[in-house]
Amino acid sequence: MTSAGSAAKVRPLGEAVAWRTGQPGPVVFTNGVFDLLHPGHVELLEAARREGEVLVVGVNSDASVRRLGKGGGRPVSGQAARARVLAGLAAVDCVVLFEQDTPLELIQALAPDVLVKGADYARDRIVGADWVEARGGRVVRVPLVAGFSTTALVEHLRAPS
């Protein structure tokens, strides 16, 4: 880590690819919006990190979040803030923002050994799963932590008191 601390974990794609090639052990990848970080996110990230030596997190850009149809006013936190918060977590080794609607191009560029998503995603809906497995990698679905959802949290915060 540089003197910039954990902020140095947020890397543009080219730097992330170069960093990834220098990793000796299995590289794990997961992705998401990570709008308002909650215990479910933390559990997913820690479980993902246990699947390999380093964890790369792909974070949807603000524009891609809006295209995902997460609801009005989303994301609540901007892309730089979301990436920076993730970079501060011990389980996370690298954070990369992506503009596309899916992380497939990012997955192909980073060539992870393990792809992790929450168990709310059926195996056939996990973008990049076939590509990772075709290269000899693994796909892991992590059980969700009950009672935690960014959408539900946003709805609760916006509800009249």
C-alpha atoms as a PDB file:
ATOM      1  CA  MET A   1       0.000   0.000   0.000  1.00  0.00           C
ATOM      2  CA  THR A   2       1.258   3.466  -0.807  1.00  0.00           C
ATOM      3  CA  SER A   3       1.234   6.456   1.502  1.00  0.00           C
ATOM      4  CA  ALA A   4      -2.243   7.212   0.097  1.00  0.00           C
ATOM      5  CA  GLY A   5      -3.568   4.419   2.326  1.00  0.00           C
ATOM      6  CA  SER A   6      -6.629   2.479   1.335  1.00  0.00           C
ATOM      7  CA  ALA A   7      -7.644   5.092  -1.253  1.00  0.00           C
ATOM      8  CA  ALA A   8      -4.911   3.582  -3.453  1.00  0.00           C
ATOM      9  CA  LYS A   9      -7.054   0.441  -3.725  1.00  0.00           C
ATOM     10  CA  VAL A  10      -9.390   2.323  -6.092  1.00  0.00           C
ATOM     11  CA  ARG A  11      -7.808   1.781  -9.494  1.00  0.00           C
ATOM     12  CA  PRO A  12      -8.696   2.583 -13.101  1.00  0.00           C
ATOM     13  CA  LEU A  13      -9.087  -0.514 -15.265  1.00  0.00           C
ATOM     14  CA  GLY A  14      -5.593  -0.458 -16.777  1.00  0.00           C
ATOM     15  CA  GLU A  15      -3.935  -0.200 -13.367  1.00  0.00           C
ATOM     16  CA  ALA A  16      -6.221  -2.891 -11.969  1.00  0.00           C
ATOM     17  CA  VAL A  17      -5.289  -5.288 -14.780  1.00  0.00           C
ATOM     18  CA  ALA A  18      -1.579  -4.657 -14.176  1.00  0.00           C
ATOM     19  CA  TRP A  19      -2.069  -5.124 -10.426  1.00  0.00           C
ATOM     20  CA  ARG A  20      -4.031  -8.340 -10.997  1.00  0.00           C
ATOM     21  CA  THR A  21      -1.282  -9.903 -13.115  1.00  0.00           C
ATOM     22  CA  GLY A  22       1.092  -9.509 -10.172  1.00  0.00           C
ATOM     23  CA  GLN A  23      -1.090 -11.468  -7.756  1.00  0.00           C
ATOM     24  CA  PRO A  24       0.329 -14.924  -6.944  1.00  0.00           C
ATOM     25  CA  GLY A  25      -2.795 -16.608  -5.576  1.00  0.00           C
ATOM     26  CA  PRO A  26      -6.387 -16.998  -6.639  1.00  0.00           C
ATOM     27  CA  VAL A  27      -8.056 -13.695  -7.520  1.00  0.00           C
ATOM     28  CA  VAL A  28     -11.704 -13.339  -6.493  1.00  0.00           C
ATOM     29  CA  PHE A  29     -14.147 -10.934  -8.156  1.00  0.00           C
ATOM     30  CA  THR A  30     -17.541  -9.655  -7.141  1.00  0.00           C
ATOM     31  CA  ASN A  31     -19.515  -6.644  -8.223  1.00  0.00           C
ATOM     32  CA  GLY A  32     -22.456  -4.493  -7.349  1.00  0.00           C
ATOM     33  CA  VAL A  33     -23.809  -1.048  -6.622  1.00  0.00           C
ATOM     34  CA  PHE A  34     -22.890  -0.976  -2.901  1.00  0.00           C
ATOM     35  CA  ASP A  35     -24.948   2.182  -2.469  1.00  0.00           C
ATOM     36  CA  LEU A  36     -25.507   2.245   1.286  1.00  0.00           C
ATOM     37  CA  LEU A  37     -23.135  -0.262   2.827  1.00  0.00           C
ATOM     38  CA  HIS A  38     -24.879  -2.618   5.289  1.00  0.00           C
ATOM     39  CA  PRO A  39     -24.034  -5.884   7.102  1.00  0.00           C
ATOM     40  CA  GLY A  40     -25.209  -7.971   4.142  1.00  0.00           C
ATOM     41  CA  HIS A  41     -22.629  -6.289   1.931  1.00  0.00           C
ATOM     42  CA  VAL A  42     -19.897  -6.801   4.515  1.00  0.00           C
ATOM     43  CA  GLU A  43     -20.732 -10.503   4.875  1.00  0.00           C
ATOM     44  CA  LEU A  44     -20.702 -10.961   1.088  1.00  0.00           C
ATOM     45  CA  LEU A  45     -17.322  -9.229   0.780  1.00  0.00           C
ATOM     46  CA  GLU A  46     -15.754 -11.160   3.654  1.00  0.00           C
ATOM     47  CA  ALA A  47     -17.081 -14.461   2.304  1.00  0.00           C
ATOM     48  CA  ALA A  48     -15.772 -13.568  -1.155  1.00  0.00           C
ATOM     49  CA  ARG A  49     -12.332 -12.735   0.236  1.00  0.00           C
ATOM     50  CA  ARG A  50     -12.134 -16.143   1.936  1.00  0.00           C
ATOM     51  CA  GLU A  51     -12.417 -17.783  -1.511  1.00  0.00           C
ATOM     52  CA  GLY A  52      -8.958 -16.615  -2.610  1.00  0.00           C
ATOM     53  CA  GLU A  53      -5.886 -14.528  -1.909  1.00  0.00           C
ATOM     54  CA  VAL A  54      -7.196 -11.142  -3.066  1.00  0.00           C
ATOM     55  CA  LEU A  55     -10.608  -9.612  -3.736  1.00  0.00           C
ATOM     56  CA  VAL A  56     -11.434  -7.251  -6.588  1.00  0.00           C
ATOM     57  CA  VAL A  57     -14.756  -5.423  -6.400  1.00  0.00           C
ATOM     58  CA  GLY A  58     -16.365  -4.005  -9.523  1.00  0.00           C
ATOM     59  CA  VAL A  59     -18.606  -1.040  -8.707  1.00  0.00           C
ATOM     60  CA  ASN A  60     -21.341   0.182 -11.024  1.00  0.00           C
ATOM     61  CA  SER A  61     -20.861   3.793 -12.098  1.00  0.00           C
ATOM     62  CA  ASP A  62     -23.637   6.250 -11.278  1.00  0.00           C
ATOM     63  CA  ALA A  63     -24.875   6.123 -14.877  1.00  0.00           C
ATOM     64  CA  SER A  64     -25.028   2.318 -14.905  1.00  0.00           C
ATOM     65  CA  VAL A  65     -26.926   2.332 -11.589  1.00  0.00           C
ATOM     66  CA  ARG A  66     -29.534   4.642 -13.093  1.00  0.00           C
ATOM     67  CA  ARG A  67     -29.869   2.307 -16.090  1.00  0.00           C
ATOM     68  CA  LEU A  68     -30.376  -0.672 -13.747  1.00  0.00           C
ATOM     69  CA  GLY A  69     -33.643   0.867 -12.601  1.00  0.00           C
ATOM     70  CA  LYS A  70     -32.910   0.718  -8.875  1.00  0.00           C
ATOM     71  CA  GLY A  71     -35.482   3.474  -8.276  1.00  0.00           C
ATOM     72  CA  GLY A  72     -35.607   7.228  -8.226  1.00  0.00           C
ATOM     73  CA  GLY A  73     -32.790   9.010  -6.510  1.00  0.00           C
ATOM     74  CA  ARG A  74     -30.370   6.099  -6.830  1.00  0.00           C
ATOM     75  CA  PRO A  75     -27.587   5.904  -6.316  1.00  0.00           C
ATOM     76  CA  VAL A  76     -27.807   7.734  -3.005  1.00  0.00           C
ATOM     77  CA  SER A  77     -24.008   7.914  -2.795  1.00  0.00           C
ATOM     78  CA  GLY A  78     -21.926   8.861  -5.810  1.00  0.00           C
ATOM     79  CA  GLN A  79     -19.550   6.418  -7.465  1.00  0.00           C
ATOM     80  CA  ALA A  80     -16.374   7.926  -5.981  1.00  0.00           C
ATOM     81  CA  ALA A  81     -17.817   7.759  -2.453  1.00  0.00           C
ATOM     82  CA  ARG A  82     -19.036   4.184  -2.901  1.00  0.00           C
ATOM     83  CA  ALA A  83     -15.657   3.074  -4.265  1.00  0.00           C
ATOM     84  CA  ARG A  84     -13.769   4.840  -1.479  1.00  0.00           C
ATOM     85  CA  VAL A  85     -15.855   3.273   1.299  1.00  0.00           C
ATOM     86  CA  LEU A  86     -15.301  -0.201  -0.163  1.00  0.00           C
ATOM     87  CA  ALA A  87     -11.567   0.451  -0.438  1.00  0.00           C
ATOM     88  CA  GLY A  88     -11.489   1.115   3.302  1.00  0.00           C
ATOM     89  CA  LEU A  89     -12.628  -2.419   4.100  1.00  0.00           C
ATOM     90  CA  ALA A  90      -9.956  -4.937   5.051  1.00  0.00           C
ATOM     91  CA  ALA A  91     -11.567  -7.666   2.902  1.00  0.00           C
ATOM     92  CA  VAL A  92     -11.213  -5.582  -0.272  1.00  0.00           C
ATOM     93  CA  ASP A  93      -7.906  -5.403  -2.137  1.00  0.00           C
ATOM     94  CA  CYS A  94      -8.905  -3.539  -5.311  1.00  0.00           C
ATOM     95  CA  VAL A  95     -11.926  -1.510  -6.437  1.00  0.00           C
ATOM     96  CA  VAL A  96     -12.712  -0.751 -10.082  1.00  0.00           C
ATOM     97  CA  LEU A  97     -15.600   1.350 -11.367  1.00  0.00           C
ATOM     98  CA  PHE A  98     -17.334   0.210 -14.537  1.00  0.00           C
ATOM     99  CA  GLU A  99     -19.687   2.099 -16.864  1.00  0.00           C
ATOM    100  CA  GLN A 100     -21.266  -0.855 -18.682  1.00  0.00           C
ATOM    101  CA  ASP A 101     -24.650  -2.329 -17.799  1.00  0.00           C
ATOM    102  CA  THR A 102     -22.967  -5.611 -16.828  1.00  0.00           C
ATOM    103  CA  PRO A 103     -19.490  -6.414 -15.496  1.00  0.00           C
ATOM    104  CA  LEU A 104     -18.677  -8.890 -18.302  1.00  0.00           C
ATOM    105  CA  GLU A 105     -15.985  -6.739 -19.937  1.00  0.00           C
ATOM    106  CA  LEU A 106     -14.412  -6.083 -16.544  1.00  0.00           C
ATOM    107  CA  ILE A 107     -14.460  -9.780 -15.681  1.00  0.00           C
ATOM    108  CA  GLN A 108     -12.834 -10.652 -19.007  1.00  0.00           C
ATOM    109  CA  ALA A 109     -10.154  -7.982 -18.519  1.00  0.00           C
ATOM    110  CA  LEU A 110      -9.342  -9.058 -14.951  1.00  0.00           C
ATOM    111  CA  ALA A 111      -9.702 -12.826 -15.531  1.00  0.00           C
ATOM    112  CA  PRO A 112     -10.587 -13.784 -11.949  1.00  0.00           C
ATOM    113  CA  ASP A 113     -10.183 -17.327 -10.693  1.00  0.00           C
ATOM    114  CA  VAL A 114     -13.342 -17.122  -8.584  1.00  0.00           C
ATOM    115  CA  LEU A 115     -16.550 -15.191  -9.265  1.00  0.00           C
ATOM    116  CA  VAL A 116     -18.783 -14.482  -6.259  1.00  0.00           C
ATOM    117  CA  LYS A 117     -22.370 -13.218  -6.125  1.00  0.00           C
ATOM    118  CA  GLY A 118     -25.143 -13.254  -3.569  1.00  0.00           C
ATOM    119  CA  ALA A 119     -27.394 -16.304  -3.515  1.00  0.00           C
ATOM    120  CA  ASP A 120     -30.276 -14.121  -4.700  1.00  0.00           C
ATOM    121  CA  TYR A 121     -28.727 -14.574  -8.151  1.00  0.00           C
ATOM    122  CA  ALA A 122     -29.547 -17.899  -9.796  1.00  0.00           C
ATOM    123  CA  ARG A 123     -26.450 -19.491 -11.335  1.00  0.00           C
ATOM    124  CA  ASP A 124     -27.763 -18.861 -14.868  1.00  0.00           C
ATOM    125  CA  ARG A 125     -28.194 -15.132 -14.100  1.00  0.00           C
ATOM    126  CA  ILE A 126     -24.616 -14.556 -12.918  1.00  0.00           C
ATOM    127  CA  VAL A 127     -22.904 -12.493 -15.591  1.00  0.00           C
ATOM    128  CA  GLY A 128     -19.505 -13.948 -16.492  1.00  0.00           C
ATOM    129  CA  ALA A 129     -20.073 -17.311 -14.787  1.00  0.00           C
ATOM    130  CA  ASP A 130     -19.754 -19.354 -17.981  1.00  0.00           C
ATOM    131  CA  TRP A 131     -16.636 -17.402 -18.994  1.00  0.00           C
ATOM    132  CA  VAL A 132     -14.916 -17.912 -15.605  1.00  0.00           C
ATOM    133  CA  GLU A 133     -15.783 -21.618 -15.488  1.00  0.00           C
ATOM    134  CA  ALA A 134     -14.624 -22.145 -19.085  1.00  0.00           C
ATOM    135  CA  ARG A 135     -11.193 -20.933 -17.942  1.00  0.00           C
ATOM    136  CA  GLY A 136     -11.152 -23.428 -15.053  1.00  0.00           C
ATOM    137  CA  GLY A 137     -12.428 -20.990 -12.439  1.00  0.00           C
ATOM    138  CA  ARG A 138     -15.207 -21.312  -9.918  1.00  0.00           C
ATOM    139  CA  VAL A 139     -18.512 -19.545  -9.271  1.00  0.00           C
ATOM    140  CA  VAL A 140     -19.637 -19.176  -5.659  1.00  0.00           C
ATOM    141  CA  ARG A 141     -23.055 -18.009  -4.456  1.00  0.00           C
ATOM    142  CA  VAL A 142     -23.011 -16.550  -0.930  1.00  0.00           C
ATOM    143  CA  PRO A 143     -26.135 -16.810   1.272  1.00  0.00           C
ATOM    144  CA  LEU A 144     -27.774 -13.466   1.992  1.00  0.00           C
ATOM    145  CA  VAL A 145     -28.002 -11.951   5.456  1.00  0.00           C
ATOM    146  CA  ALA A 146     -31.708 -11.734   6.255  1.00  0.00           C
ATOM    147  CA  GLY A 147     -33.172  -8.325   6.924  1.00  0.00           C
ATOM    148  CA  PHE A 148     -30.689  -6.221   4.969  1.00  0.00           C
ATOM    149  CA  SER A 149     -31.378  -4.587   1.629  1.00  0.00           C
ATOM    150  CA  THR A 150     -30.291  -1.197   0.314  1.00  0.00           C
ATOM    151  CA  THR A 151     -33.636  -0.774  -1.447  1.00  0.00           C
ATOM    152  CA  ALA A 152     -35.528  -1.470   1.795  1.00  0.00           C
ATOM    153  CA  LEU A 153     -33.205   0.868   3.699  1.00  0.00           C
ATOM    154  CA  VAL A 154     -33.763   3.680   1.190  1.00  0.00           C
ATOM    155  CA  GLU A 155     -37.544   3.149   1.338  1.00  0.00           C
ATOM    156  CA  HIS A 156     -37.440   3.253   5.155  1.00  0.00           C
ATOM    157  CA  LEU A 157     -35.399   6.463   5.184  1.00  0.00           C
ATOM    158  CA  ARG A 158     -37.770   8.141   2.734  1.00  0.00           C
ATOM    159  CA  ALA A 159     -40.974   7.043   4.487  1.00  0.00           C
ATOM    160  CA  PRO A 160     -42.827   9.704   6.460  1.00  0.00           C
ATOM    161  CA  SER A 161     -42.119   9.346  10.175  1.00  0.00           C
END
